[in-house]
Amino acid sequence: MRKITQLERIKSKALRIALTAFRANPSLGACQAKALFAEIVAHLKSGMKDADIVKAVLDNHATSKPSGHMSLN
């Protein structure tokens, strides 16, 4: 029986975090997948919690920040 390595654990966790982020913001589908996963893996290696990673990814890849007012045009 083969032992699961730490890197394999991080990669599987990164996939779950990416799925959570995509559910929260489907526009992340326009981002480069390799860069997004590299960012998630880096956060995991630094010891961040899953929810904090999702928030950081969403903040880093926000397409448009709300301006505080709405327009009907």
Protein backbone atom coordinates (compact mmCIF):
# COMPACT_ATOMS: atom_id res chain seq x y z
CA MET A 1 0.00 0.00 0.00
CA ARG A 2 1.34 3.40 -1.03
CA LYS A 3 1.44 6.33 1.39
CA ILE A 4 -0.28 9.55 0.29
CA THR A 5 2.24 12.40 0.15
CA GLN A 6 1.74 15.90 1.53
CA LEU A 7 1.80 17.35 -2.01
CA GLU A 8 -1.00 14.99 -3.07
CA ARG A 9 -3.07 16.13 -0.09
CA ILE A 10 -2.49 19.78 -1.00
CA LYS A 11 -3.44 19.19 -4.63
CA SER A 12 -6.69 17.45 -3.73
CA LYS A 13 -7.52 20.19 -1.25
CA ALA A 14 -6.75 22.83 -3.90
CA LEU A 15 -9.29 21.25 -6.22
CA ARG A 16 -12.01 21.44 -3.55
CA ILE A 17 -11.13 25.07 -2.77
CA ALA A 18 -11.19 25.99 -6.46
CA LEU A 19 -14.63 24.40 -6.82
CA THR A 20 -15.88 26.42 -3.85
CA ALA A 21 -14.47 29.61 -5.38
CA PHE A 22 -16.05 28.85 -8.78
CA ARG A 23 -19.41 28.32 -7.09
CA ALA A 24 -19.08 31.68 -5.33
CA ASN A 25 -17.97 33.52 -8.50
CA PRO A 26 -18.55 31.71 -11.81
CA SER A 27 -16.63 34.44 -13.68
CA LEU A 28 -13.41 32.82 -12.39
CA GLY A 29 -13.84 30.47 -15.35
CA ALA A 30 -12.27 33.20 -17.50
CA CYS A 31 -9.02 33.06 -15.46
CA GLN A 32 -6.04 30.92 -16.38
CA ALA A 33 -6.51 27.66 -14.48
CA LYS A 34 -2.80 27.07 -13.93
CA ALA A 35 -2.30 30.48 -12.32
CA LEU A 36 -5.39 30.07 -10.16
CA PHE A 37 -4.31 26.66 -8.88
CA ALA A 38 -0.76 27.90 -8.30
CA GLU A 39 -2.17 30.71 -6.16
CA ILE A 40 -4.33 28.29 -4.17
CA VAL A 41 -1.45 25.84 -3.65
CA ALA A 42 0.81 28.69 -2.48
CA HIS A 43 -1.81 29.75 0.06
CA LEU A 44 -2.20 26.16 1.26
CA LYS A 45 1.55 25.76 1.68
CA SER A 46 1.66 28.97 3.72
CA GLY A 47 -0.90 27.48 6.13
CA MET A 48 -3.99 29.54 5.34
CA LYS A 49 -7.42 28.12 6.15
CA ASP A 50 -9.76 27.08 3.33
CA ALA A 51 -12.28 29.89 3.85
CA ASP A 52 -9.49 32.50 3.92
CA ILE A 53 -8.06 31.13 0.68
CA VAL A 54 -11.43 31.34 -1.07
CA LYS A 55 -11.83 34.94 0.12
CA ALA A 56 -8.32 35.86 -1.04
CA VAL A 57 -8.85 34.27 -4.46
CA LEU A 58 -12.17 36.04 -4.91
CA ASP A 59 -10.62 39.36 -3.88
CA ASN A 60 -7.61 38.92 -6.19
CA HIS A 61 -9.72 37.98 -9.20
CA ALA A 62 -12.66 40.34 -8.78
CA THR A 63 -13.55 41.67 -12.23
CA SER A 64 -15.32 44.79 -11.07
CA LYS A 65 -15.56 46.32 -7.64
CA PRO A 66 -18.97 47.72 -6.66
CA SER A 67 -19.01 51.50 -7.01
CA GLY A 68 -21.69 52.15 -4.43
CA HIS A 69 -24.40 53.27 -6.85
CA MET A 70 -26.62 51.62 -9.43
CA SER A 71 -27.61 52.79 -12.86
CA LEU A 72 -30.74 51.90 -14.80
CA ASN A 73 -29.22 52.75 -18.19
